[in-house]
Amino acid sequence: TPIYQVAWTPDGRRVVSASQSGEFTLWSGTAFHFESIIQAHECAVRCVKWSHSGNWMLAGDDSGTIKYWQPNMMNARKKEAHKEPCRAIDFAPSDLKFVTGSDDTTAKIWDFARCEEEMTLGGHGWDVKTCAWHPYKAMVATGGKDNLVKLWDVHSGKELATLHGHKNTVMSTQWNQNGNWLLTCSRDSLAKVIDVRMMRELQTFRGHRRDVTCATWHPVHGEYFITGGFDGTLNHWIVGEKDAVQEVNVGQDQAVWSAAFHPLGHLLATGSQDHTTKFWSRNRPGENLVEDAQAHAAERDEEDARAVVSPLGRTAMVTAPQTATAGAAAGARAVAPPPLGVGAAAAGGAGGMGIPGIPGLGGAGSAIPGLAGMGAAPVPVAAAALPTAAV
């Protein structure tokens, strides 16, 4: 069944993929093999989020139910949170509260320990598809089918601002690390970065041919993010550059529903309409993205990317063959940063990071914490940050 969500555990050792059938599949984040599968929900799982502490995972489904999960995948609590599908969920920085967004047109603030609703944010006129808690402020961003992005004060429940930049459903809202930029993507095929210090649009990113279905910031490099599209592509962007630095074909016109970086940033996991979970890494030094893509394109029908198959027939695509398309040569540059071209089969340690045996890090050389070429893009500097509010 289609994979709607992928989420790395905070220690980076496992990936949880959540499917339309309500199943959780656990994959090794180091060897990329199947570990276990459970029937977690009775219907499609639409959102998954780990707490910052790594002690809990929240998941929401099509029935509007949210469940508390422990790292050993034991279900500790169940709550009927919404009357319609729960589309998004995110923790407060302290993990004491969390926010949910639903097709019932509301976002809700919850007390985590009591699992009780504290506040309803009811300003959207249609389905709420996404919500994101600011990394250190009492502020939440929501986006929905009414094409709007809204910012909320969590203490008072008041709407702080409404942003009208998109012309179709807003699918994702993501804060960058320092909380100054808000990344949004929409079914209007656009992604936007908004500087909330000046409350203005910083840049619009055009490159997808259809809906932009997901987006995520790199955990180390603050100006770098990726977007996934309904057209089956991943685009890699750097704020300040007009065009995508790389376009990678993930699913042959099968929507990319979710993408998540490893906490160290050297690996990327994606979940797609084509029923696969895939792992991606940067090209190693000396590899030519375009030539390798062309060479492996002919092999893909035979090898179909070394698959790891569970006892129940679920498949995780461990992208040893290159799946970046030759079309990358037409519009995107095959240079770092970043191409996360692929080849998660590379083995190596983290060098001076003190984290042994994590594939990809050895091949990337000094990629962590400073990927070659990263930060070369001009990044606009704006006014002072907003005052801090306790959460």
Protein backbone atom coordinates (compact mmCIF):
# COMPACT_ATOMS: atom_id res chain seq x y z
CA THR A 1 0.00 0.00 0.00
CA PRO A 2 1.15 3.63 -0.44
CA ILE A 3 3.57 4.95 2.19
CA TYR A 4 2.19 8.19 3.59
CA GLN A 5 4.79 8.96 6.27
CA VAL A 6 8.42 8.18 7.05
CA ALA A 7 10.11 9.23 10.30
CA TRP A 8 13.61 8.65 11.64
CA THR A 9 13.98 7.82 15.31
CA PRO A 10 15.88 10.69 17.00
CA ASP A 11 18.97 8.48 17.39
CA GLY A 12 18.95 7.82 13.63
CA ARG A 13 19.06 4.04 14.00
CA ARG A 14 15.63 3.22 12.59
CA VAL A 15 13.00 4.52 10.21
CA VAL A 16 9.29 4.06 10.79
CA SER A 17 7.17 4.02 7.65
CA ALA A 18 3.39 4.39 7.97
CA SER A 19 1.06 3.17 5.26
CA GLN A 20 -2.43 3.50 3.87
CA SER A 21 -3.30 0.15 5.45
CA GLY A 22 -2.49 1.45 8.96
CA GLU A 23 0.71 -0.55 9.33
CA PHE A 24 4.02 0.59 10.81
CA THR A 25 7.11 -0.95 9.24
CA LEU A 26 10.45 -0.58 11.00
CA TRP A 27 13.62 -0.46 8.90
CA SER A 28 17.23 -0.39 10.01
CA GLY A 29 18.76 3.02 9.42
CA THR A 30 22.26 1.57 9.13
CA ALA A 31 21.89 -1.72 7.26
CA PHE A 32 18.61 -0.74 5.52
CA HIS A 33 16.94 -4.08 6.20
CA PHE A 34 13.46 -4.95 7.39
CA GLU A 35 13.06 -5.27 11.17
CA SER A 36 9.38 -5.63 12.00
CA ILE A 37 5.84 -4.74 11.03
CA ILE A 38 2.75 -4.12 13.14
CA GLN A 39 -0.88 -3.29 12.46
CA ALA A 40 -0.77 0.03 14.30
CA HIS A 41 -4.03 1.68 13.22
CA GLU A 42 -7.31 0.49 11.76
CA CYS A 43 -7.10 2.89 8.82
CA ALA A 44 -4.58 4.99 6.89
CA VAL A 45 -1.92 6.72 9.01
CA ARG A 46 -1.60 10.33 7.88
CA CYS A 47 0.95 11.82 10.29
CA VAL A 48 3.78 10.62 12.50
CA LYS A 49 6.03 12.64 14.81
CA TRP A 50 8.71 11.73 17.36
CA SER A 51 9.13 13.78 20.50
CA HIS A 52 12.37 15.74 20.83
CA SER A 53 13.37 13.46 23.71
CA GLY A 54 12.90 10.37 21.56
CA ASN A 55 10.75 8.74 24.23
CA TRP A 56 7.41 8.97 22.42
CA MET A 57 5.94 8.93 18.95
CA LEU A 58 2.54 10.33 18.04
CA ALA A 59 0.53 9.15 15.05
CA GLY A 60 -2.78 10.32 13.59
CA ASP A 61 -5.06 8.49 11.18
CA ASP A 62 -8.02 8.85 8.84
CA SER A 63 -10.54 8.30 11.64
CA GLY A 64 -9.24 11.34 13.53
CA THR A 65 -7.64 9.13 16.19
CA ILE A 66 -4.21 9.84 17.64
CA LYS A 67 -2.10 7.20 19.39
CA TYR A 68 0.89 7.40 21.71
CA TRP A 69 3.69 4.97 20.83
CA GLN A 70 6.79 4.03 22.81
CA PRO A 71 10.14 3.32 21.09
CA ASN A 72 9.46 -0.44 21.37
CA MET A 73 6.24 0.17 19.37
CA MET A 74 3.95 -0.46 22.31
CA ASN A 75 0.74 1.56 22.13
CA ALA A 76 0.32 3.44 25.42
CA ARG A 77 -2.71 5.62 24.74
CA LYS A 78 -5.45 6.24 22.21
CA LYS A 79 -7.54 9.38 21.77
CA GLU A 80 -10.35 10.32 19.40
CA ALA A 81 -9.02 13.79 18.69
CA HIS A 82 -10.94 14.90 15.60
CA LYS A 83 -14.14 14.09 13.75
CA GLU A 84 -12.33 13.94 10.42
CA PRO A 85 -8.87 12.64 9.36
CA CYS A 86 -5.96 13.92 11.43
CA ARG A 87 -3.57 15.26 8.79
CA ALA A 88 -0.68 16.72 10.79
CA ILE A 89 0.89 16.57 14.22
CA ASP A 90 3.87 18.30 15.88
CA PHE A 91 5.42 18.57 19.33
CA ALA A 92 6.16 21.76 21.25
CA PRO A 93 9.89 22.32 21.94
CA SER A 94 9.39 21.16 25.53
CA ASP A 95 7.41 18.03 24.50
CA LEU A 96 4.80 19.04 27.10
CA LYS A 97 2.26 19.99 24.45
CA PHE A 98 1.51 19.12 20.85
CA VAL A 99 -0.63 20.41 18.00
CA THR A 100 -2.83 18.53 15.55
CA GLY A 101 -4.47 19.60 12.29
CA SER A 102 -7.52 17.96 10.74
CA ASP A 103 -9.94 17.92 7.83
CA ASP A 104 -12.59 19.10 10.32
CA THR A 105 -11.18 22.64 9.67
CA THR A 106 -9.53 22.93 13.09
CA ALA A 107 -6.11 22.74 14.66
CA LYS A 108 -5.95 21.81 18.34
CA ILE A 109 -3.42 22.30 21.12
CA TRP A 110 -3.09 19.35 23.51
CA ASP A 111 -1.50 18.66 26.87
CA PHE A 112 0.71 15.64 26.25
CA ALA A 113 0.71 14.11 29.75
CA ARG A 114 -3.07 14.31 30.19
CA CYS A 115 -3.91 13.89 26.49
CA GLU A 116 -6.53 16.59 26.88
CA GLU A 117 -7.44 19.36 24.49
CA GLU A 118 -6.42 22.81 25.71
CA MET A 119 -7.36 25.01 22.80
CA THR A 120 -9.00 24.94 19.37
CA LEU A 121 -7.63 27.11 16.57
CA GLY A 122 -10.59 27.59 14.28
CA GLY A 123 -9.61 30.23 11.76
CA HIS A 124 -9.40 28.08 8.63
CA GLY A 125 -12.49 27.79 6.49
CA TRP A 126 -11.57 24.38 5.12
CA ASP A 127 -9.42 21.31 5.83
CA VAL A 128 -6.22 21.92 7.83
CA LYS A 129 -3.53 19.89 6.06
CA THR A 130 -0.41 20.88 7.98
CA CYS A 131 0.77 22.34 11.27
CA ALA A 132 4.23 23.09 12.66
CA TRP A 133 5.29 24.30 16.10
CA HIS A 134 7.98 26.99 16.15
CA PRO A 135 11.35 25.57 17.32
CA TYR A 136 11.53 27.80 20.41
CA LYS A 137 8.47 30.09 20.58
CA ALA A 138 4.86 29.66 21.60
CA MET A 139 3.79 29.96 17.98
CA VAL A 140 2.23 27.50 15.55
CA ALA A 141 1.95 27.69 11.76
CA THR A 142 -0.96 26.00 9.98
CA GLY A 143 -1.90 25.59 6.34
CA GLY A 144 -4.97 24.27 4.63
CA LYS A 145 -7.29 23.72 1.74
CA ASP A 146 -8.36 27.37 1.88
CA ASN A 147 -4.90 28.18 0.39
CA LEU A 148 -3.92 30.09 3.53
CA VAL A 149 -1.02 29.90 5.96
CA LYS A 150 -1.82 31.15 9.46
CA LEU A 151 0.38 31.91 12.46
CA TRP A 152 -1.06 31.47 15.95
CA ASP A 153 -0.17 32.56 19.48
CA VAL A 154 -0.42 29.36 21.51
CA HIS A 155 -0.85 31.19 24.84
CA SER A 156 -3.87 33.22 23.80
CA GLY A 157 -5.15 31.23 20.83
CA LYS A 158 -5.20 34.41 18.77
CA GLU A 159 -4.33 34.51 15.10
CA LEU A 160 -1.12 36.51 14.59
CA ALA A 161 -1.04 36.67 10.80
CA THR A 162 -2.56 35.22 7.63
CA LEU A 163 -0.40 34.69 4.55
CA HIS A 164 -2.08 34.60 1.14
CA GLY A 165 0.84 33.57 -1.06
CA HIS A 166 -0.49 30.26 -2.42
CA LYS A 167 -3.26 29.67 -4.93
CA ASN A 168 -4.12 26.10 -3.98
CA THR A 169 -4.10 23.77 -0.96
CA VAL A 170 -1.12 24.27 1.36
CA MET A 171 0.35 20.80 1.90
CA SER A 172 3.26 21.46 4.27
CA THR A 173 4.63 24.09 6.65
CA GLN A 174 8.15 23.63 8.05
CA TRP A 175 10.24 25.92 10.27
CA ASN A 176 13.97 26.12 9.69
CA GLN A 177 16.38 25.53 12.58
CA ASN A 178 16.52 29.08 13.92
CA GLY A 179 12.81 29.71 13.41
CA ASN A 180 13.26 32.77 11.19
CA TRP A 181 12.11 31.13 7.97
CA LEU A 182 8.90 29.23 7.30
CA LEU A 183 8.91 26.84 4.33
CA THR A 184 5.54 26.20 2.70
CA CYS A 185 4.53 24.08 -0.26
CA SER A 186 1.26 23.77 -2.10
CA ARG A 187 -0.75 22.06 -4.79
CA ASP A 188 -0.13 25.16 -6.92
CA SER A 189 3.27 23.51 -7.73
CA LEU A 190 5.18 26.15 -5.74
CA ALA A 191 7.28 26.20 -2.61
CA LYS A 192 7.89 29.43 -0.72
CA VAL A 193 10.17 30.61 2.06
CA ILE A 194 8.70 33.31 4.31
CA ASP A 195 10.80 35.43 6.65
CA VAL A 196 8.60 35.81 9.72
CA ARG A 197 10.80 38.55 11.19
CA MET A 198 9.62 40.91 8.47
CA MET A 199 6.50 38.89 7.65
CA ARG A 200 7.26 38.84 3.96
CA GLU A 201 7.93 36.27 1.28
CA LEU A 202 11.66 35.76 0.84
CA GLN A 203 11.62 33.58 -2.28
CA THR A 204 9.34 31.45 -4.46
CA PHE A 205 10.68 28.17 -5.84
CA ARG A 206 9.37 26.89 -9.19
CA GLY A 207 10.38 23.52 -10.56
CA HIS A 208 7.71 20.91 -9.94
CA ARG A 209 5.29 20.19 -12.76
CA ARG A 210 2.44 19.20 -10.45
CA ASP A 211 1.47 19.46 -6.77
CA VAL A 212 4.27 19.86 -4.23
CA THR A 213 3.31 17.24 -1.66
CA CYS A 214 6.04 17.46 1.01
CA ALA A 215 9.03 19.54 2.06
CA THR A 216 11.74 19.33 4.69
CA TRP A 217 14.76 21.36 5.78
CA HIS A 218 18.23 19.86 6.06
CA PRO A 219 19.06 19.42 9.77
CA VAL A 220 22.58 20.89 9.49
CA HIS A 221 22.61 23.36 6.59
CA GLY A 222 20.03 26.00 7.30
CA GLU A 223 19.60 27.28 3.75
CA TYR A 224 19.12 23.87 2.11
CA PHE A 225 15.80 22.01 1.76
CA ILE A 226 14.11 19.44 -0.44
CA THR A 227 10.60 19.19 -1.85
CA GLY A 228 8.72 16.14 -3.10
CA GLY A 229 6.10 16.23 -5.80
CA PHE A 230 3.03 14.46 -7.10
CA ASP A 231 5.04 13.97 -10.29
CA GLY A 232 7.40 11.59 -8.47
CA THR A 233 10.38 13.93 -8.21
CA LEU A 234 12.56 15.27 -5.42
CA ASN A 235 13.94 18.75 -5.94
CA HIS A 236 16.91 20.05 -3.94
CA TRP A 237 17.00 23.79 -3.27
CA ILE A 238 19.25 26.40 -1.70
CA VAL A 239 17.69 29.65 -0.54
CA GLY A 240 19.08 32.44 -2.67
CA GLU A 241 19.39 30.34 -5.84
CA LYS A 242 16.67 30.54 -8.45
CA ASP A 243 16.74 26.99 -9.80
CA ALA A 244 16.84 23.61 -8.11
CA VAL A 245 20.41 22.39 -7.69
CA GLN A 246 19.21 18.87 -8.40
CA GLU A 247 16.12 16.99 -9.52
CA VAL A 248 15.86 13.29 -8.73
CA ASN A 249 13.19 10.94 -10.05
CA VAL A 250 11.86 8.88 -7.17
CA GLY A 251 8.70 7.15 -8.27
CA GLN A 252 8.11 7.35 -12.03
CA ASP A 253 5.14 9.71 -11.76
CA GLN A 254 4.15 8.20 -8.40
CA ALA A 255 3.65 10.86 -5.73
CA VAL A 256 6.28 11.36 -3.04
CA TRP A 257 4.18 11.71 0.10
CA SER A 258 6.88 12.09 2.72
CA ALA A 259 10.60 12.82 3.00
CA ALA A 260 12.75 12.92 6.13
CA PHE A 261 16.45 13.57 6.69
CA HIS A 262 18.55 11.50 9.06
CA PRO A 263 19.33 13.62 12.16
CA LEU A 264 22.91 14.04 10.91
CA GLY A 265 21.73 14.96 7.42
CA HIS A 266 23.73 12.43 5.40
CA LEU A 267 20.76 10.21 4.48
CA LEU A 268 17.25 10.88 3.24
CA ALA A 269 14.25 8.55 3.51
CA THR A 270 11.19 8.89 1.28
CA GLY A 271 7.75 7.28 1.20
CA SER A 272 5.82 7.12 -2.05
CA GLN A 273 2.61 6.17 -3.80
CA ASP A 274 4.52 3.28 -5.41
CA HIS A 275 4.43 1.42 -2.04
CA THR A 276 8.16 1.84 -1.38
CA THR A 277 10.36 3.35 1.28
CA LYS A 278 13.67 4.49 -0.19
CA PHE A 279 16.96 5.60 1.30
CA TRP A 280 19.16 8.15 -0.45
CA SER A 281 22.66 9.47 0.10
CA ARG A 282 25.03 11.92 -1.55
CA ASN A 283 27.23 10.87 -4.43
CA ARG A 284 30.67 9.87 -3.26
CA PRO A 285 33.67 11.89 -4.45
CA GLY A 286 34.42 11.14 -8.09
CA GLU A 287 30.97 9.85 -8.97
CA ASN A 288 29.26 11.50 -11.92
CA LEU A 289 25.55 11.79 -11.29
CA VAL A 290 24.38 12.07 -14.89
CA GLU A 291 26.64 9.35 -16.31
CA ASP A 292 25.76 7.00 -13.49
CA ALA A 293 22.06 7.69 -13.92
CA GLN A 294 22.24 6.87 -17.60
CA ALA A 295 24.26 3.72 -16.96
CA HIS A 296 21.92 2.44 -14.30
CA ALA A 297 18.71 3.34 -16.10
CA ALA A 298 19.19 0.35 -18.39
CA GLU A 299 19.85 -1.93 -15.41
CA ARG A 300 16.91 -0.85 -13.32
CA ASP A 301 14.34 -3.15 -14.91
CA GLU A 302 16.57 -6.12 -14.14
CA GLU A 303 17.89 -5.15 -10.71
CA ASP A 304 15.15 -2.73 -9.58
CA ALA A 305 17.46 -1.29 -6.95
CA ARG A 306 18.57 -3.99 -4.46
CA ALA A 307 15.31 -4.59 -2.67
CA VAL A 308 14.93 -5.63 0.94
CA VAL A 309 11.77 -7.71 1.21
CA SER A 310 10.05 -8.45 4.50
CA PRO A 311 8.44 -11.82 5.26
CA LEU A 312 5.11 -10.21 4.38
CA GLY A 313 6.28 -8.94 1.04
CA ARG A 314 6.73 -5.26 1.91
CA THR A 315 9.62 -3.77 0.03
CA ALA A 316 12.05 -1.05 0.98
CA MET A 317 13.98 0.25 -1.98
CA VAL A 318 17.58 0.58 -0.88
CA THR A 319 18.84 2.75 -3.66
CA ALA A 320 22.12 1.17 -4.58
CA PRO A 321 21.51 1.74 -8.29
CA GLN A 322 21.29 5.40 -9.24
CA THR A 323 17.69 6.52 -9.55
CA ALA A 324 18.42 10.12 -10.48
CA THR A 325 17.11 10.59 -13.99
CA ALA A 326 19.06 11.71 -16.99
CA GLY A 327 16.66 14.63 -17.03
CA ALA A 328 18.78 16.12 -14.30
CA ALA A 329 21.19 17.13 -17.01
CA ALA A 330 18.55 19.21 -18.69
CA GLY A 331 17.67 21.49 -15.83
CA ALA A 332 19.63 20.72 -12.70
CA ARG A 333 23.35 20.85 -12.12
CA ALA A 334 25.10 17.63 -11.19
CA VAL A 335 27.32 19.31 -8.63
CA ALA A 336 27.47 19.51 -4.88
CA PRO A 337 25.69 20.77 -3.03
CA PRO A 338 23.98 18.63 -2.58
CA PRO A 339 23.25 16.03 -5.00
CA LEU A 340 21.80 13.39 -2.72
CA GLY A 341 22.20 11.29 -5.79
CA VAL A 342 21.91 7.94 -4.22
CA GLY A 343 23.99 4.97 -3.40
CA ALA A 344 23.09 4.24 0.17
CA ALA A 345 25.19 1.10 -0.19
CA ALA A 346 28.37 3.01 0.65
CA ALA A 347 29.82 1.87 3.94
CA GLY A 348 31.88 3.92 6.29
CA GLY A 349 32.13 5.54 9.66
CA ALA A 350 31.49 9.03 10.76
CA GLY A 351 35.12 9.90 11.12
CA GLY A 352 35.52 12.37 13.93
CA MET A 353 31.81 12.34 14.72
CA GLY A 354 32.27 9.35 17.05
CA ILE A 355 29.31 7.51 15.54
CA PRO A 356 30.70 4.31 14.02
CA GLY A 357 29.26 2.29 11.21
CA ILE A 358 26.79 4.73 9.69
CA PRO A 359 26.81 4.18 5.91
CA GLY A 360 27.43 7.14 3.67
CA LEU A 361 29.44 9.23 6.11
CA GLY A 362 32.75 7.63 5.18
CA GLY A 363 32.08 8.09 1.50
CA ALA A 364 31.12 11.70 1.99
CA GLY A 365 34.48 12.61 3.46
CA SER A 366 34.07 15.71 5.55
CA ALA A 367 30.41 16.01 4.65
CA ILE A 368 29.46 16.35 8.31
CA PRO A 369 29.26 18.97 9.56
CA GLY A 370 30.37 20.95 6.51
CA LEU A 371 29.17 19.61 3.16
CA ALA A 372 31.44 20.83 0.38
CA GLY A 373 29.95 23.81 -1.36
CA MET A 374 27.20 24.30 1.20
CA GLY A 375 26.73 27.83 2.34
CA ALA A 376 28.06 29.20 -0.91
CA ALA A 377 24.66 30.54 -1.82
CA PRO A 378 23.94 34.15 -0.81
CA VAL A 379 21.55 34.18 2.12
CA PRO A 380 19.64 37.41 2.71
CA VAL A 381 20.06 38.97 6.13
CA ALA A 382 17.07 40.56 7.73
CA ALA A 383 16.05 42.37 10.87
CA ALA A 384 16.34 41.18 14.46
CA ALA A 385 14.55 38.05 15.59
CA LEU A 386 11.20 38.05 17.32
CA PRO A 387 11.28 38.18 21.13
CA THR A 388 11.30 34.80 22.79
CA ALA A 389 8.14 33.50 24.41
CA ALA A 390 8.17 30.63 26.87
CA VAL A 391 6.40 27.45 25.87
